[in-house]
Amino acid sequence: MTEAEFQAELNRLRPTLMRFAVLQLRDEQSAEDAVQDTLLAALEGRERFSGRSQLKTWVVSILRNKIVDRIRQRSREAPLPEVSDNEAEDFDGLFEPDGHWADKPADWGDPAKSFEQGRFFEVLELCMKALPENLSRVFLMREVLEMETEEICKELAMSSSNCWVVLYRARMRLRECLQLKWFAQGVGSE
């Protein structure tokens, strides 16, 4: 790949990188800075790109590291507030006393098929944006950035139990949102 082709491919990836960064950082300016730092690092480290993976995979891994750096910087500046019981959402109503669903969720069809549909990612992104910032951040750190729970707790100065509560709430809200905006529409089973 020539230098010009490499730069053109990075420019083509920029909107995808921005969406990912904005979703995680929730701040357009911080996201822009992280993407710029990523593109600069990719250009400066071009010789380290061996071609064993797709360029997109390599650049996204650089962006993930830049995002983690920004989250660490933010956590040193102002820790996330603990989730208190009076803010707690009542998910207990969704379950029977024996732990089974009160109303069984609708059939989601073939999840792999939904995952392949581009519109699914648009709906997922909308659902992620609808999450409160602290729920979204912890969920993305765990599930997208693949950070260990202990590392998340350390970075965000939160207790392990609070982290698990936040992850539970994020997953439940995402499940509800996807149920309403994707699977209840019958789109996921097409």
Protein backbone atom coordinates (compact mmCIF):
# COMPACT_ATOMS: atom_id res chain seq x y z
CA MET A 1 0.00 0.00 0.00
CA THR A 2 1.48 3.35 -1.02
CA GLU A 3 1.65 6.33 1.32
CA ALA A 4 -1.19 8.04 -0.58
CA GLU A 5 -3.37 4.90 -0.42
CA PHE A 6 -2.62 4.55 3.29
CA GLN A 7 -3.67 8.16 3.97
CA ALA A 8 -6.78 7.79 1.81
CA GLU A 9 -7.81 4.68 3.75
CA LEU A 10 -7.28 6.49 7.07
CA ASN A 11 -9.48 9.34 5.82
CA ARG A 12 -12.15 6.83 4.84
CA LEU A 13 -12.07 5.33 8.36
CA ARG A 14 -12.31 8.72 10.11
CA PRO A 15 -16.16 8.87 10.37
CA THR A 16 -16.25 5.37 11.89
CA LEU A 17 -13.55 6.31 14.37
CA MET A 18 -15.44 9.49 15.30
CA ARG A 19 -18.70 7.62 15.95
CA PHE A 20 -16.87 5.13 18.16
CA ALA A 21 -15.03 7.88 20.07
CA VAL A 22 -18.11 10.08 20.57
CA LEU A 23 -20.10 7.10 21.82
CA GLN A 24 -17.43 6.32 24.40
CA LEU A 25 -16.31 9.79 25.43
CA ARG A 26 -19.67 11.60 25.11
CA ASP A 27 -17.84 14.78 24.19
CA GLU A 28 -17.37 15.83 20.57
CA GLN A 29 -14.16 17.76 21.26
CA SER A 30 -12.53 14.96 23.26
CA ALA A 31 -13.57 12.48 20.58
CA GLU A 32 -12.09 14.69 17.87
CA ASP A 33 -8.85 14.96 19.83
CA ALA A 34 -8.69 11.18 20.34
CA VAL A 35 -9.31 10.53 16.64
CA GLN A 36 -6.70 13.09 15.61
CA ASP A 37 -4.18 11.53 18.01
CA THR A 38 -5.06 8.11 16.56
CA LEU A 39 -4.60 9.18 12.95
CA LEU A 40 -1.31 10.86 13.80
CA ALA A 41 -0.10 7.74 15.63
CA ALA A 42 -1.12 5.58 12.65
CA LEU A 43 0.75 7.83 10.23
CA GLU A 44 3.84 7.97 12.42
CA GLY A 45 3.74 4.23 13.08
CA ARG A 46 2.90 3.10 9.58
CA GLU A 47 5.98 0.88 9.45
CA ARG A 48 4.62 -1.07 12.46
CA PHE A 49 1.50 -2.03 10.47
CA SER A 50 2.43 -5.46 9.20
CA GLY A 51 -0.72 -6.14 7.23
CA ARG A 52 -1.52 -9.28 9.25
CA SER A 53 -4.83 -7.66 10.19
CA GLN A 54 -7.06 -5.19 8.43
CA LEU A 55 -6.01 -1.56 8.66
CA LYS A 56 -9.34 -0.76 10.34
CA THR A 57 -8.63 -3.30 13.11
CA TRP A 58 -5.18 -1.85 13.71
CA VAL A 59 -6.39 1.77 13.77
CA VAL A 60 -9.35 0.96 16.05
CA SER A 61 -6.95 -0.69 18.50
CA ILE A 62 -4.91 2.52 18.55
CA LEU A 63 -8.10 4.52 19.14
CA ARG A 64 -9.13 2.21 21.97
CA ASN A 65 -5.85 2.97 23.71
CA LYS A 66 -6.30 6.72 23.17
CA ILE A 67 -9.82 6.51 24.63
CA VAL A 68 -8.58 4.58 27.66
CA ASP A 69 -5.92 7.27 28.17
CA ARG A 70 -8.58 10.00 28.07
CA ILE A 71 -10.81 8.09 30.48
CA ARG A 72 -7.89 7.70 32.87
CA GLN A 73 -7.18 11.41 32.62
CA ARG A 74 -10.83 12.25 33.32
CA SER A 75 -11.02 9.85 36.25
CA ARG A 76 -8.08 11.62 37.88
CA GLU A 77 -9.90 14.92 37.46
CA ALA A 78 -13.35 13.92 38.72
CA PRO A 79 -14.49 10.43 39.74
CA LEU A 80 -17.91 9.13 38.70
CA PRO A 81 -20.54 9.36 41.41
CA GLU A 82 -21.63 6.20 43.17
CA VAL A 83 -25.06 4.93 42.17
CA SER A 84 -27.28 5.25 45.20
CA ASP A 85 -30.32 3.17 46.05
CA ASN A 86 -32.67 6.13 45.62
CA GLU A 87 -31.53 6.36 41.99
CA ALA A 88 -31.98 2.64 41.55
CA GLU A 89 -34.22 1.46 38.79
CA ASP A 90 -36.72 -1.17 39.70
CA PHE A 91 -35.85 -4.13 37.51
CA ASP A 92 -37.29 -6.46 40.14
CA GLY A 93 -40.71 -6.09 38.51
CA LEU A 94 -39.36 -7.79 35.40
CA PHE A 95 -38.77 -11.02 37.32
CA GLU A 96 -40.81 -13.53 39.31
CA PRO A 97 -39.71 -14.30 42.89
CA ASP A 98 -38.00 -17.46 41.58
CA GLY A 99 -35.80 -15.37 39.26
CA HIS A 100 -37.57 -16.18 35.98
CA TRP A 101 -38.86 -13.46 33.66
CA ALA A 102 -42.32 -12.14 34.58
CA ASP A 103 -42.97 -11.51 30.88
CA LYS A 104 -40.66 -13.54 28.75
CA PRO A 105 -38.80 -11.29 26.28
CA ALA A 106 -39.84 -11.67 22.66
CA ASP A 107 -37.87 -14.04 20.47
CA TRP A 108 -34.84 -12.17 19.16
CA GLY A 109 -34.44 -14.51 16.22
CA ASP A 110 -30.90 -15.21 15.09
CA PRO A 111 -28.62 -12.73 16.89
CA ALA A 112 -25.80 -13.37 14.42
CA LYS A 113 -28.09 -12.39 11.54
CA SER A 114 -29.07 -9.16 13.33
CA PHE A 115 -25.44 -8.41 13.99
CA GLU A 116 -24.69 -8.57 10.26
CA GLN A 117 -27.34 -5.98 9.45
CA GLY A 118 -25.94 -2.46 9.28
CA ARG A 119 -29.12 -0.90 10.66
CA PHE A 120 -28.75 -2.96 13.84
CA PHE A 121 -25.60 -0.98 14.67
CA GLU A 122 -27.48 2.29 14.15
CA VAL A 123 -30.15 1.15 16.62
CA LEU A 124 -27.52 -0.11 19.06
CA GLU A 125 -25.72 3.23 18.84
CA LEU A 126 -28.99 5.07 19.56
CA CYS A 127 -29.59 2.83 22.55
CA MET A 128 -26.04 3.43 23.81
CA LYS A 129 -26.49 7.21 23.47
CA ALA A 130 -29.71 6.97 25.50
CA LEU A 131 -27.84 5.48 28.45
CA PRO A 132 -26.72 7.84 31.19
CA GLU A 133 -23.04 8.70 30.78
CA ASN A 134 -21.76 6.65 33.72
CA LEU A 135 -23.68 3.53 32.60
CA SER A 136 -22.48 3.90 29.03
CA ARG A 137 -18.86 4.50 29.99
CA VAL A 138 -18.62 1.49 32.30
CA PHE A 139 -20.42 -0.77 29.81
CA LEU A 140 -18.18 0.29 26.91
CA MET A 141 -15.03 -0.04 29.00
CA ARG A 142 -16.02 -3.60 29.91
CA GLU A 143 -17.63 -4.86 26.70
CA VAL A 144 -15.99 -2.83 23.92
CA LEU A 145 -12.61 -1.88 25.33
CA GLU A 146 -12.49 -5.29 27.08
CA MET A 147 -11.08 -3.91 30.29
CA GLU A 148 -11.18 -6.11 33.38
CA THR A 149 -13.61 -5.08 36.11
CA GLU A 150 -10.78 -4.43 38.57
CA GLU A 151 -9.14 -2.07 36.08
CA ILE A 152 -12.42 -0.19 35.51
CA CYS A 153 -12.88 0.19 39.27
CA LYS A 154 -9.35 1.53 39.62
CA GLU A 155 -9.67 3.94 36.68
CA LEU A 156 -13.06 5.30 37.75
CA ALA A 157 -12.47 5.15 41.51
CA MET A 158 -15.53 2.99 42.11
CA SER A 159 -16.18 -0.08 44.19
CA SER A 160 -16.45 -3.50 42.62
CA SER A 161 -20.04 -3.89 43.78
CA ASN A 162 -20.99 -0.51 42.30
CA CYS A 163 -19.33 -1.47 39.02
CA TRP A 164 -21.36 -4.69 38.79
CA VAL A 165 -24.57 -2.77 39.58
CA VAL A 166 -23.77 -0.25 36.84
CA LEU A 167 -23.03 -3.04 34.34
CA TYR A 168 -26.29 -4.78 35.25
CA ARG A 169 -28.30 -1.59 34.81
CA ALA A 170 -26.60 -0.80 31.50
CA ARG A 171 -27.30 -4.29 30.16
CA MET A 172 -30.92 -4.18 31.29
CA ARG A 173 -31.51 -0.77 29.71
CA LEU A 174 -29.85 -1.88 26.48
CA ARG A 175 -31.96 -5.03 26.44
CA GLU A 176 -35.13 -2.97 26.90
CA CYS A 177 -34.12 -0.47 24.24
CA LEU A 178 -33.16 -3.14 21.70
CA GLN A 179 -36.37 -5.00 22.48
CA LEU A 180 -38.45 -1.91 21.68
CA LYS A 181 -36.50 -0.43 18.80
CA TRP A 182 -35.22 -3.53 17.02
CA PHE A 183 -36.59 -6.93 17.96
CA ALA A 184 -40.21 -5.90 18.65
CA GLN A 185 -40.23 -4.42 15.14
CA GLY A 186 -39.51 -7.88 13.75
CA VAL A 187 -36.35 -6.52 12.13
CA GLY A 188 -33.99 -8.86 13.96
CA SER A 189 -35.67 -12.01 12.67
CA GLU A 190 -35.62 -11.04 8.98
